[in-house]
C-alpha atoms as a PDB file:
ATOM      1  CA  MET A   1      36.703  11.471  15.409  1.00  0.00           C
ATOM      2  CA  GLN A   2      34.544  11.942  12.596  1.00  0.00           C
ATOM      3  CA  THR A   3      36.351   8.777  11.151  1.00  0.00           C
ATOM      4  CA  LEU A   4      35.911   6.986  13.728  1.00  0.00           C
ATOM      5  CA  CYS A   5      32.112   7.649  13.833  1.00  0.00           C
ATOM      6  CA  ALA A   6      31.961   6.699  10.222  1.00  0.00           C
ATOM      7  CA  VAL A   7      33.659   3.343  11.139  1.00  0.00           C
ATOM      8  CA  LEU A   8      31.589   2.465  13.762  1.00  0.00           C
ATOM      9  CA  VAL A   9      28.545   3.388  11.684  1.00  0.00           C
ATOM     10  CA  ALA A  10      29.481   1.363   9.122  1.00  0.00           C
ATOM     11  CA  LEU A  11      30.164  -1.735  11.272  1.00  0.00           C
ATOM     12  CA  LEU A  12      27.179  -1.399  13.476  1.00  0.00           C
ATOM     13  CA  GLY A  13      24.501  -0.526  10.727  1.00  0.00           C
ATOM     14  CA  CYS A  14      23.150   2.496  12.787  1.00  0.00           C
ATOM     15  CA  ASN A  15      23.313   5.518  10.285  1.00  0.00           C
ATOM     16  CA  ARG A  16      20.011   7.006  10.856  1.00  0.00           C
ATOM     17  CA  GLY A  17      20.665   9.006   7.367  1.00  0.00           C
ATOM     18  CA  ALA A  18      21.317   5.923   5.183  1.00  0.00           C
ATOM     19  CA  ALA A  19      19.501   5.884   2.161  1.00  0.00           C
ATOM     20  CA  THR A  20      19.463   2.099   1.340  1.00  0.00           C
ATOM     21  CA  PRO A  21      20.858   0.242   4.176  1.00  0.00           C
ATOM     22  CA  PRO A  22      21.278  -3.457   3.224  1.00  0.00           C
ATOM     23  CA  GLY A  23      18.204  -6.107   2.962  1.00  0.00           C
ATOM     24  CA  PRO A  24      16.627  -8.528   0.727  1.00  0.00           C
ATOM     25  CA  PHE A  25      13.674  -6.151  -0.647  1.00  0.00           C
ATOM     26  CA  ASP A  26      14.651  -5.023  -4.199  1.00  0.00           C
ATOM     27  CA  GLY A  27      13.340  -1.341  -4.976  1.00  0.00           C
ATOM     28  CA  GLN A  28      14.302  -1.790  -8.697  1.00  0.00           C
ATOM     29  CA  ARG A  29      12.349  -5.192  -9.134  1.00  0.00           C
ATOM     30  CA  ALA A  30       9.169  -3.224  -7.541  1.00  0.00           C
ATOM     31  CA  LEU A  31       9.642  -0.485  -9.861  1.00  0.00           C
ATOM     32  CA  GLY A  32       9.679  -2.863 -12.348  1.00  0.00           C
ATOM     33  CA  TYR A  33       6.504  -4.629 -11.421  1.00  0.00           C
ATOM     34  CA  VAL A  34       5.076  -1.101 -11.127  1.00  0.00           C
ATOM     35  CA  ARG A  35       5.957  -0.163 -15.007  1.00  0.00           C
ATOM     36  CA  THR A  36       4.373  -3.599 -15.890  1.00  0.00           C
ATOM     37  CA  PHE A  37       1.137  -3.236 -14.265  1.00  0.00           C
ATOM     38  CA  MET A  38       0.718   0.575 -15.713  1.00  0.00           C
ATOM     39  CA  GLU A  39       0.811  -1.152 -18.866  1.00  0.00           C
ATOM     40  CA  PHE A  40      -2.649  -2.179 -18.591  1.00  0.00           C
ATOM     41  CA  GLY A  41      -3.832   1.266 -18.211  1.00  0.00           C
ATOM     42  CA  PRO A  42      -6.323   2.946 -15.623  1.00  0.00           C
ATOM     43  CA  ARG A  43      -7.710   0.249 -13.831  1.00  0.00           C
ATOM     44  CA  VAL A  44     -11.581   1.939 -13.173  1.00  0.00           C
ATOM     45  CA  PRO A  45     -14.038  -0.851 -12.244  1.00  0.00           C
ATOM     46  CA  GLY A  46     -15.963  -2.413 -15.090  1.00  0.00           C
ATOM     47  CA  THR A  47     -13.507  -1.790 -17.980  1.00  0.00           C
ATOM     48  CA  GLU A  48     -11.370  -4.374 -19.610  1.00  0.00           C
ATOM     49  CA  ALA A  49      -8.048  -2.862 -18.356  1.00  0.00           C
ATOM     50  CA  HIS A  50      -9.584  -3.493 -14.821  1.00  0.00           C
ATOM     51  CA  THR A  51     -10.053  -7.451 -15.288  1.00  0.00           C
ATOM     52  CA  ARG A  52      -6.805  -7.920 -17.222  1.00  0.00           C
ATOM     53  CA  ALA A  53      -4.924  -6.182 -14.101  1.00  0.00           C
ATOM     54  CA  GLY A  54      -6.582  -7.947 -11.689  1.00  0.00           C
ATOM     55  CA  ASP A  55      -5.962 -11.035 -13.384  1.00  0.00           C
ATOM     56  CA  TRP A  56      -2.104 -10.170 -13.475  1.00  0.00           C
ATOM     57  CA  ILE A  57      -2.430  -9.227  -9.701  1.00  0.00           C
ATOM     58  CA  ALA A  58      -3.762 -13.098  -8.912  1.00  0.00           C
ATOM     59  CA  GLY A  59      -1.728 -14.747 -11.257  1.00  0.00           C
ATOM     60  CA  GLU A  60       1.157 -13.625  -9.911  1.00  0.00           C
ATOM     61  CA  MET A  61       0.777 -13.874  -6.461  1.00  0.00           C
ATOM     62  CA  ARG A  62      -0.093 -17.404  -6.867  1.00  0.00           C
ATOM     63  CA  GLN A  63       3.499 -17.909  -8.036  1.00  0.00           C
ATOM     64  CA  ARG A  64       4.645 -16.251  -4.747  1.00  0.00           C
ATOM     65  CA  ALA A  65       2.344 -16.898  -1.840  1.00  0.00           C
ATOM     66  CA  ASP A  66       0.878 -20.237  -0.124  1.00  0.00           C
ATOM     67  CA  THR A  67      -3.127 -19.535  -1.198  1.00  0.00           C
ATOM     68  CA  VAL A  68      -4.595 -16.711  -3.166  1.00  0.00           C
ATOM     69  CA  ILE A  69      -8.491 -15.907  -1.928  1.00  0.00           C
ATOM     70  CA  GLU A  70     -10.838 -13.516  -4.596  1.00  0.00           C
ATOM     71  CA  GLN A  71     -13.557 -11.743  -3.124  1.00  0.00           C
ATOM     72  CA  THR A  72     -15.698 -10.790  -5.957  1.00  0.00           C
ATOM     73  CA  TRP A  73     -19.110  -8.987  -5.966  1.00  0.00           C
ATOM     74  CA  MET A  74     -21.266  -6.061  -7.171  1.00  0.00           C
ATOM     75  CA  HIS A  75     -21.185  -2.926  -6.038  1.00  0.00           C
ATOM     76  CA  THR A  76     -23.988  -0.534  -6.647  1.00  0.00           C
ATOM     77  CA  THR A  77     -22.991   3.041  -6.275  1.00  0.00           C
ATOM     78  CA  GLN A  78     -25.097   5.685  -4.537  1.00  0.00           C
ATOM     79  CA  SER A  79     -26.553   6.683  -8.183  1.00  0.00           C
ATOM     80  CA  GLY A  80     -27.952   2.910  -8.883  1.00  0.00           C
ATOM     81  CA  VAL A  81     -25.158   1.680 -11.128  1.00  0.00           C
ATOM     82  CA  SER A  82     -23.518  -1.926 -10.431  1.00  0.00           C
ATOM     83  CA  ILE A  83     -20.108  -2.259 -11.006  1.00  0.00           C
ATOM     84  CA  PRO A  84     -18.025  -5.063 -10.263  1.00  0.00           C
ATOM     85  CA  MET A  85     -15.186  -5.430  -7.792  1.00  0.00           C
ATOM     86  CA  ARG A  86     -12.287  -7.615  -6.518  1.00  0.00           C
ATOM     87  CA  ASN A  87     -10.316  -8.039  -3.977  1.00  0.00           C
ATOM     88  CA  ILE A  88      -6.981 -10.137  -3.840  1.00  0.00           C
ATOM     89  CA  LEU A  89      -5.542 -11.698  -0.538  1.00  0.00           C
ATOM     90  CA  ALA A  90      -2.660 -13.618  -0.742  1.00  0.00           C
ATOM     91  CA  ARG A  91      -1.727 -15.503   2.469  1.00  0.00           C
ATOM     92  CA  TYR A  92       1.668 -16.926   3.869  1.00  0.00           C
ATOM     93  CA  ARG A  93       1.422 -19.588   6.387  1.00  0.00           C
ATOM     94  CA  PRO A  94      -2.427 -19.338   6.365  1.00  0.00           C
ATOM     95  CA  MET A  95      -2.821 -21.703   8.985  1.00  0.00           C
ATOM     96  CA  ALA A  96      -0.810 -19.526  11.756  1.00  0.00           C
ATOM     97  CA  GLU A  97      -3.041 -17.558  14.215  1.00  0.00           C
ATOM     98  CA  GLU A  98      -0.641 -14.566  14.750  1.00  0.00           C
ATOM     99  CA  ARG A  99      -0.984 -12.927  11.720  1.00  0.00           C
ATOM    100  CA  ILE A 100       0.108  -9.024  10.274  1.00  0.00           C
ATOM    101  CA  LEU A 101      -2.206  -7.696   7.726  1.00  0.00           C
ATOM    102  CA  TYR A 102      -0.984  -5.550   5.001  1.00  0.00           C
ATOM    103  CA  VAL A 103      -3.523  -3.231   2.566  1.00  0.00           C
ATOM    104  CA  THR A 104      -2.904  -1.576  -0.593  1.00  0.00           C
ATOM    105  CA  HIS A 105      -5.280  -0.488  -3.299  1.00  0.00           C
ATOM    106  CA  TRP A 106      -5.034  -1.330  -6.723  1.00  0.00           C
ATOM    107  CA  ASP A 107      -7.726   0.400  -8.883  1.00  0.00           C
ATOM    108  CA  SER A 108      -7.602   3.964 -10.492  1.00  0.00           C
ATOM    109  CA  ARG A 109      -9.789   7.067 -10.171  1.00  0.00           C
ATOM    110  CA  PRO A 110     -12.058   7.156 -12.898  1.00  0.00           C
ATOM    111  CA  VAL A 111     -11.840  11.052 -13.257  1.00  0.00           C
ATOM    112  CA  ALA A 112      -9.058  13.404 -12.812  1.00  0.00           C
ATOM    113  CA  GLU A 113     -10.242  16.014 -11.231  1.00  0.00           C
ATOM    114  CA  LYS A 114      -7.505  18.054  -9.912  1.00  0.00           C
ATOM    115  CA  SER A 115      -5.713  18.094 -13.508  1.00  0.00           C
ATOM    116  CA  ALA A 116      -5.457  21.603 -15.194  1.00  0.00           C
ATOM    117  CA  THR A 117      -7.946  21.515 -17.967  1.00  0.00           C
ATOM    118  CA  ASP A 118     -11.644  20.351 -18.570  1.00  0.00           C
ATOM    119  CA  GLU A 119     -10.464  17.941 -20.755  1.00  0.00           C
ATOM    120  CA  ASP A 120      -8.125  16.330 -18.528  1.00  0.00           C
ATOM    121  CA  ARG A 121     -10.408  16.330 -15.418  1.00  0.00           C
ATOM    122  CA  LYS A 122     -12.811  14.298 -17.476  1.00  0.00           C
ATOM    123  CA  LYS A 123     -10.104  11.344 -18.278  1.00  0.00           C
ATOM    124  CA  PRO A 124      -9.306   8.257 -15.265  1.00  0.00           C
ATOM    125  CA  THR A 125      -6.192   9.114 -13.634  1.00  0.00           C
ATOM    126  CA  PRO A 126      -3.138   6.875 -14.731  1.00  0.00           C
ATOM    127  CA  GLY A 127      -2.400   5.776 -10.942  1.00  0.00           C
ATOM    128  CA  ALA A 128       1.073   5.121 -11.057  1.00  0.00           C
ATOM    129  CA  ASN A 129       1.922   6.535  -7.526  1.00  0.00           C
ATOM    130  CA  ASP A 130      -1.691   6.355  -6.265  1.00  0.00           C
ATOM    131  CA  GLY A 131      -2.417   2.488  -6.598  1.00  0.00           C
ATOM    132  CA  GLY A 132       0.416   1.094  -8.425  1.00  0.00           C
ATOM    133  CA  SER A 133       3.352   2.101  -6.424  1.00  0.00           C
ATOM    134  CA  GLY A 134       1.714  -0.313  -3.306  1.00  0.00           C
ATOM    135  CA  VAL A 135       1.093  -3.346  -5.832  1.00  0.00           C
ATOM    136  CA  GLY A 136       4.780  -3.386  -7.240  1.00  0.00           C
ATOM    137  CA  MET A 137       6.222  -3.021  -3.809  1.00  0.00           C
ATOM    138  CA  PHE A 138       3.953  -5.922  -2.839  1.00  0.00           C
ATOM    139  CA  LEU A 139       4.860  -8.129  -5.527  1.00  0.00           C
ATOM    140  CA  ALA A 140       8.645  -7.626  -4.708  1.00  0.00           C
ATOM    141  CA  LEU A 141       7.901  -8.126  -0.971  1.00  0.00           C
ATOM    142  CA  GLY A 142       6.051 -11.340  -2.042  1.00  0.00           C
ATOM    143  CA  ASP A 143       9.365 -12.404  -3.864  1.00  0.00           C
ATOM    144  CA  VAL A 144      11.245 -12.035  -0.329  1.00  0.00           C
ATOM    145  CA  LEU A 145       8.519 -13.930   1.373  1.00  0.00           C
ATOM    146  CA  LYS A 146       8.630 -16.960  -1.169  1.00  0.00           C
ATOM    147  CA  ALA A 147      12.547 -17.056  -0.807  1.00  0.00           C
ATOM    148  CA  THR A 148      12.384 -16.675   2.840  1.00  0.00           C
ATOM    149  CA  PRO A 149       9.262 -17.545   4.680  1.00  0.00           C
ATOM    150  CA  PRO A 150       7.923 -15.727   7.134  1.00  0.00           C
ATOM    151  CA  THR A 151       7.892 -16.741  10.683  1.00  0.00           C
ATOM    152  CA  VAL A 152       4.290 -15.430  11.037  1.00  0.00           C
ATOM    153  CA  GLY A 153       1.353 -15.306   9.113  1.00  0.00           C
ATOM    154  CA  VAL A 154       1.254 -12.550   6.676  1.00  0.00           C
ATOM    155  CA  ASP A 155      -1.522 -11.338   4.845  1.00  0.00           C
ATOM    156  CA  LEU A 156      -1.117  -8.920   1.250  1.00  0.00           C
ATOM    157  CA  LEU A 157      -4.536  -7.605   0.487  1.00  0.00           C
ATOM    158  CA  PHE A 158      -5.083  -6.086  -2.810  1.00  0.00           C
ATOM    159  CA  VAL A 159      -8.264  -3.781  -2.166  1.00  0.00           C
ATOM    160  CA  ASP A 160     -10.779  -2.233  -4.826  1.00  0.00           C
ATOM    161  CA  GLY A 161     -12.518   0.599  -5.223  1.00  0.00           C
ATOM    162  CA  GLU A 162     -10.640   2.923  -2.802  1.00  0.00           C
ATOM    163  CA  ASP A 163     -10.466   5.646  -5.639  1.00  0.00           C
ATOM    164  CA  TYR A 164     -13.833   5.370  -7.300  1.00  0.00           C
ATOM    165  CA  GLY A 165     -16.436   7.737  -6.146  1.00  0.00           C
ATOM    166  CA  THR A 166     -16.093  11.117  -4.019  1.00  0.00           C
ATOM    167  CA  PHE A 167     -14.141  12.369  -1.355  1.00  0.00           C
ATOM    168  CA  ALA A 168     -15.819  14.882   1.090  1.00  0.00           C
ATOM    169  CA  PRO A 169     -18.439  13.939   0.993  1.00  0.00           C
ATOM    170  CA  ASP A 170     -17.456  10.261   1.338  1.00  0.00           C
ATOM    171  CA  VAL A 171     -19.742   8.500  -1.460  1.00  0.00           C
ATOM    172  CA  ASP A 172     -18.356   5.071  -3.497  1.00  0.00           C
ATOM    173  CA  VAL A 173     -14.968   4.977  -2.053  1.00  0.00           C
ATOM    174  CA  LEU A 174     -13.213   2.575   0.311  1.00  0.00           C
ATOM    175  CA  ILE A 175     -15.244  -0.037  -1.151  1.00  0.00           C
ATOM    176  CA  GLY A 176     -12.897  -2.946  -1.423  1.00  0.00           C
ATOM    177  CA  SER A 177     -11.811  -2.234   2.367  1.00  0.00           C
ATOM    178  CA  ALA A 178     -15.736  -1.785   3.284  1.00  0.00           C
ATOM    179  CA  TYR A 179     -16.447  -5.265   1.784  1.00  0.00           C
ATOM    180  CA  PHE A 180     -13.339  -7.066   3.478  1.00  0.00           C
ATOM    181  CA  ALA A 181     -14.223  -5.820   7.042  1.00  0.00           C
ATOM    182  CA  SER A 182     -17.532  -7.418   6.256  1.00  0.00           C
ATOM    183  CA  ASN A 183     -16.448 -10.406   4.909  1.00  0.00           C
ATOM    184  CA  LEU A 184     -13.314 -11.397   7.044  1.00  0.00           C
ATOM    185  CA  PRO A 185     -11.018 -14.408   6.191  1.00  0.00           C
ATOM    186  CA  SER A 186     -12.366 -16.374   9.357  1.00  0.00           C
ATOM    187  CA  ALA A 187     -15.103 -15.468  12.248  1.00  0.00           C
ATOM    188  CA  GLY A 188     -12.470 -14.593  14.753  1.00  0.00           C
ATOM    189  CA  TYR A 189      -9.830 -13.092  12.439  1.00  0.00           C
ATOM    190  CA  GLN A 190      -8.000 -10.698  14.160  1.00  0.00           C
ATOM    191  CA  PRO A 191      -4.154  -9.835  13.039  1.00  0.00           C
ATOM    192  CA  LEU A 192      -1.597  -8.778  15.319  1.00  0.00           C
ATOM    193  CA  TYR A 193      -1.421  -4.982  13.676  1.00  0.00           C
ATOM    194  CA  GLY A 194      -2.158  -4.089  10.234  1.00  0.00           C
ATOM    195  CA  VAL A 195      -0.974  -1.247   7.797  1.00  0.00           C
ATOM    196  CA  VAL A 196      -2.254   0.317   4.620  1.00  0.00           C
ATOM    197  CA  PHE A 197       0.268   1.372   2.165  1.00  0.00           C
ATOM    198  CA  ASP A 198      -0.702   4.171  -0.097  1.00  0.00           C
ATOM    199  CA  MET A 199       1.131   6.703  -2.227  1.00  0.00           C
ATOM    200  CA  ILE A 200       4.603   5.541  -1.351  1.00  0.00           C
ATOM    201  CA  GLY A 201       6.431   5.889  -4.490  1.00  0.00           C
ATOM    202  CA  GLU A 202       7.497   9.469  -5.184  1.00  0.00           C
ATOM    203  CA  ALA A 203      10.836  10.564  -5.383  1.00  0.00           C
ATOM    204  CA  ASP A 204      10.594  13.173  -2.611  1.00  0.00           C
ATOM    205  CA  LEU A 205       9.004  10.716  -0.358  1.00  0.00           C
ATOM    206  CA  ARG A 206       7.941  12.158   3.241  1.00  0.00           C
ATOM    207  CA  ILE A 207       5.256  10.328   5.307  1.00  0.00           C
ATOM    208  CA  PRO A 208       4.209  11.883   8.391  1.00  0.00           C
ATOM    209  CA  ARG A 209       2.228  10.107  11.026  1.00  0.00           C
ATOM    210  CA  GLU A 210      -1.783   9.997  10.319  1.00  0.00           C
ATOM    211  CA  GLU A 211      -4.086  11.562  12.411  1.00  0.00           C
ATOM    212  CA  HIS A 212      -6.458   8.594  12.698  1.00  0.00           C
ATOM    213  CA  SER A 213      -3.957   5.945  12.772  1.00  0.00           C
ATOM    214  CA  VAL A 214      -2.329   7.962  16.011  1.00  0.00           C
ATOM    215  CA  THR A 215      -5.192   8.371  17.658  1.00  0.00           C
ATOM    216  CA  ARG A 216      -7.037   5.086  17.227  1.00  0.00           C
ATOM    217  CA  ALA A 217      -3.905   2.562  16.763  1.00  0.00           C
ATOM    218  CA  PRO A 218      -1.013   4.547  18.332  1.00  0.00           C
ATOM    219  CA  GLU A 219       0.853   1.271  19.310  1.00  0.00           C
ATOM    220  CA  VAL A 220       0.992   0.367  15.487  1.00  0.00           C
ATOM    221  CA  VAL A 221       2.428   3.882  14.472  1.00  0.00           C
ATOM    222  CA  ASP A 222       4.994   3.651  16.997  1.00  0.00           C
ATOM    223  CA  ARG A 223       6.038   0.100  15.945  1.00  0.00           C
ATOM    224  CA  VAL A 224       6.217   1.048  12.278  1.00  0.00           C
ATOM    225  CA  TRP A 225       8.235   4.377  12.978  1.00  0.00           C
ATOM    226  CA  ARG A 226      10.564   3.107  15.207  1.00  0.00           C
ATOM    227  CA  ALA A 227      11.264  -0.090  12.679  1.00  0.00           C
ATOM    228  CA  ALA A 228      11.649   2.852  10.107  1.00  0.00           C
ATOM    229  CA  GLU A 229      14.141   4.459  12.341  1.00  0.00           C
ATOM    230  CA  ASP A 230      15.700   1.559  13.253  1.00  0.00           C
ATOM    231  CA  MET A 231      16.893   0.970   9.462  1.00  0.00           C
ATOM    232  CA  GLY A 232      17.890   4.843   8.806  1.00  0.00           C
ATOM    233  CA  TYR A 233      14.667   6.584   7.791  1.00  0.00           C
ATOM    234  CA  GLY A 234      13.813   8.738  10.312  1.00  0.00           C
ATOM    235  CA  ASN A 235      13.971  11.150   7.420  1.00  0.00           C
ATOM    236  CA  VAL A 236      11.364   9.587   5.444  1.00  0.00           C
ATOM    237  CA  PHE A 237       8.964   8.381   8.452  1.00  0.00           C
ATOM    238  CA  VAL A 238       8.889  11.526  10.164  1.00  0.00           C
ATOM    239  CA  ARG A 239       7.582  12.136  13.920  1.00  0.00           C
ATOM    240  CA  SER A 240       5.335  14.882  12.762  1.00  0.00           C
ATOM    241  CA  THR A 241       1.381  14.223  12.472  1.00  0.00           C
ATOM    242  CA  THR A 242      -0.499  15.037   9.589  1.00  0.00           C
ATOM    243  CA  TYR A 243      -4.197  15.567   9.242  1.00  0.00           C
ATOM    244  CA  PRO A 244      -7.124  12.956   9.161  1.00  0.00           C
ATOM    245  CA  ILE A 245      -7.095  11.111   5.954  1.00  0.00           C
ATOM    246  CA  THR A 246     -10.085   8.986   4.797  1.00  0.00           C
ATOM    247  CA  ASP A 247      -8.307   5.692   3.374  1.00  0.00           C
ATOM    248  CA  ASP A 248      -8.974   2.078   3.556  1.00  0.00           C
ATOM    249  CA  HIS A 249      -7.927   1.560   7.178  1.00  0.00           C
ATOM    250  CA  LEU A 250     -10.992   3.254   8.421  1.00  0.00           C
ATOM    251  CA  PRO A 251     -13.167   0.684   7.652  1.00  0.00           C
ATOM    252  CA  LEU A 252     -10.995  -2.229   9.098  1.00  0.00           C
ATOM    253  CA  LEU A 253     -10.629   0.398  12.286  1.00  0.00           C
ATOM    254  CA  ASP A 254     -14.393   0.390  12.595  1.00  0.00           C
ATOM    255  CA  LYS A 255     -14.273  -3.293  12.366  1.00  0.00           C
ATOM    256  CA  GLY A 256     -11.752  -3.625  15.287  1.00  0.00           C
ATOM    257  CA  LEU A 257      -8.680  -4.206  13.493  1.00  0.00           C
ATOM    258  CA  ARG A 258      -5.376  -2.421  14.750  1.00  0.00           C
ATOM    259  CA  VAL A 259      -4.637  -1.068  11.236  1.00  0.00           C
ATOM    260  CA  ILE A 260      -2.843   2.257  10.254  1.00  0.00           C
ATOM    261  CA  ASP A 261      -2.236   4.059   7.280  1.00  0.00           C
ATOM    262  CA  VAL A 262       1.250   5.000   5.764  1.00  0.00           C
ATOM    263  CA  ILE A 263       0.708   7.556   3.105  1.00  0.00           C
ATOM    264  CA  ASP A 264       2.428  10.572   1.789  1.00  0.00           C
ATOM    265  CA  LEU A 265      -0.322  12.616   0.487  1.00  0.00           C
ATOM    266  CA  ASP A 266       1.844  15.855  -0.346  1.00  0.00           C
ATOM    267  CA  TYR A 267       1.700  14.765  -3.900  1.00  0.00           C
ATOM    268  CA  ALA A 268       1.610  17.201  -6.522  1.00  0.00           C
ATOM    269  CA  HIS A 269       0.005  15.040  -9.233  1.00  0.00           C
ATOM    270  CA  HIS A 270      -2.867  13.293  -6.925  1.00  0.00           C
ATOM    271  CA  HIS A 271      -5.458  12.875  -8.562  1.00  0.00           C
ATOM    272  CA  THR A 272      -4.225  14.381 -12.249  1.00  0.00           C
ATOM    273  CA  VAL A 273      -3.414  12.817 -15.450  1.00  0.00           C
ATOM    274  CA  ASN A 274       0.120  13.572 -14.466  1.00  0.00           C
ATOM    275  CA  ASP A 275       0.074  10.727 -12.231  1.00  0.00           C
ATOM    276  CA  THR A 276       2.303   8.645 -14.435  1.00  0.00           C
ATOM    277  CA  PHE A 277       5.130   5.804 -13.998  1.00  0.00           C
ATOM    278  CA  ASP A 278       7.822   8.529 -14.651  1.00  0.00           C
ATOM    279  CA  LYS A 279       7.051   9.736 -11.040  1.00  0.00           C
ATOM    280  CA  VAL A 280       7.589   6.370  -9.276  1.00  0.00           C
ATOM    281  CA  SER A 281      10.940   6.367  -7.843  1.00  0.00           C
ATOM    282  CA  ALA A 282      12.927   2.666  -7.145  1.00  0.00           C
ATOM    283  CA  ARG A 283      14.676   4.579  -3.868  1.00  0.00           C
ATOM    284  CA  SER A 284      11.211   5.464  -2.701  1.00  0.00           C
ATOM    285  CA  LEU A 285       9.797   2.001  -2.924  1.00  0.00           C
ATOM    286  CA  LYS A 286      13.218   0.450  -1.100  1.00  0.00           C
ATOM    287  CA  ILE A 287      12.483   2.840   1.779  1.00  0.00           C
ATOM    288  CA  VAL A 288       8.933   1.515   2.384  1.00  0.00           C
ATOM    289  CA  GLY A 289       9.570  -1.808   1.510  1.00  0.00           C
ATOM    290  CA  ASP A 290      12.553  -2.522   3.587  1.00  0.00           C
ATOM    291  CA  VAL A 291      10.727  -1.168   6.675  1.00  0.00           C
ATOM    292  CA  ALA A 292       7.441  -3.635   5.575  1.00  0.00           C
ATOM    293  CA  TRP A 293      10.297  -6.537   5.127  1.00  0.00           C
ATOM    294  CA  ARG A 294      11.442  -5.273   8.809  1.00  0.00           C
ATOM    295  CA  LEU A 295       8.183  -5.422  10.571  1.00  0.00           C
ATOM    296  CA  LEU A 296       7.651  -9.007   9.883  1.00  0.00           C
ATOM    297  CA  GLN A 297      11.193 -10.374  11.233  1.00  0.00           C
ATOM    298  CA  LYS A 298       9.667  -8.994  14.512  1.00  0.00           C
END
């Protein structure tokens, strides 16, 4: 009986415990993009590394997408400091009315306040998992969409300034997503749904449903988690619900867009100097990339 079940699973592709079902998304390629991205150094707004990293994202996406739009502006912090900000929107089938929005942030934090020593707490975070993993996944997904164009419009949005200020109280954070929400690509812009991908690269990946998402866009949560389960990733996209998280979906939800957060915040190196490239896993990027791709097929 066990042998027969194994054969049926292999034939039908329904093994919900499978780690890497067949699909066009390449986790190793995504990891390579994370490696290259990390070579720029911490992407703190206002630094040369930030400028160069943003140039690289925009240049790479121009090679993959139909259209790339950049939003640039100066953000004045609560303390009165002006810092340059930059969102990058890569669009596939830009004239299509039916669209799906994916969002990731690309900046890194100016201070690693959760680090173990006073000296390290004054340093910026490297931002490999927190920022870099989403960028790598988006570029690899862009490769897939270039090779096989989607049947719906797709917007890959790289937002700036998510991690700049302080959380709880929330001051000078979610800057790029708030700016995008106030400066949408068109007056009637209303994607079918949207997903924020944040901190998706750690090896021990486990993504519960985020509470704001479940409360405010439950149909999108169900769509994403069903897609993950259909691909055999129910052990990663788990059905438990975690606490509400302040992330880039909130300004978009407040604008009326149906956007949820896919995030694994249970990460030991969050906001520390140890959030480095060696913490990012090709397997985890493959899992999330597979799900992101599958959602675009429906």
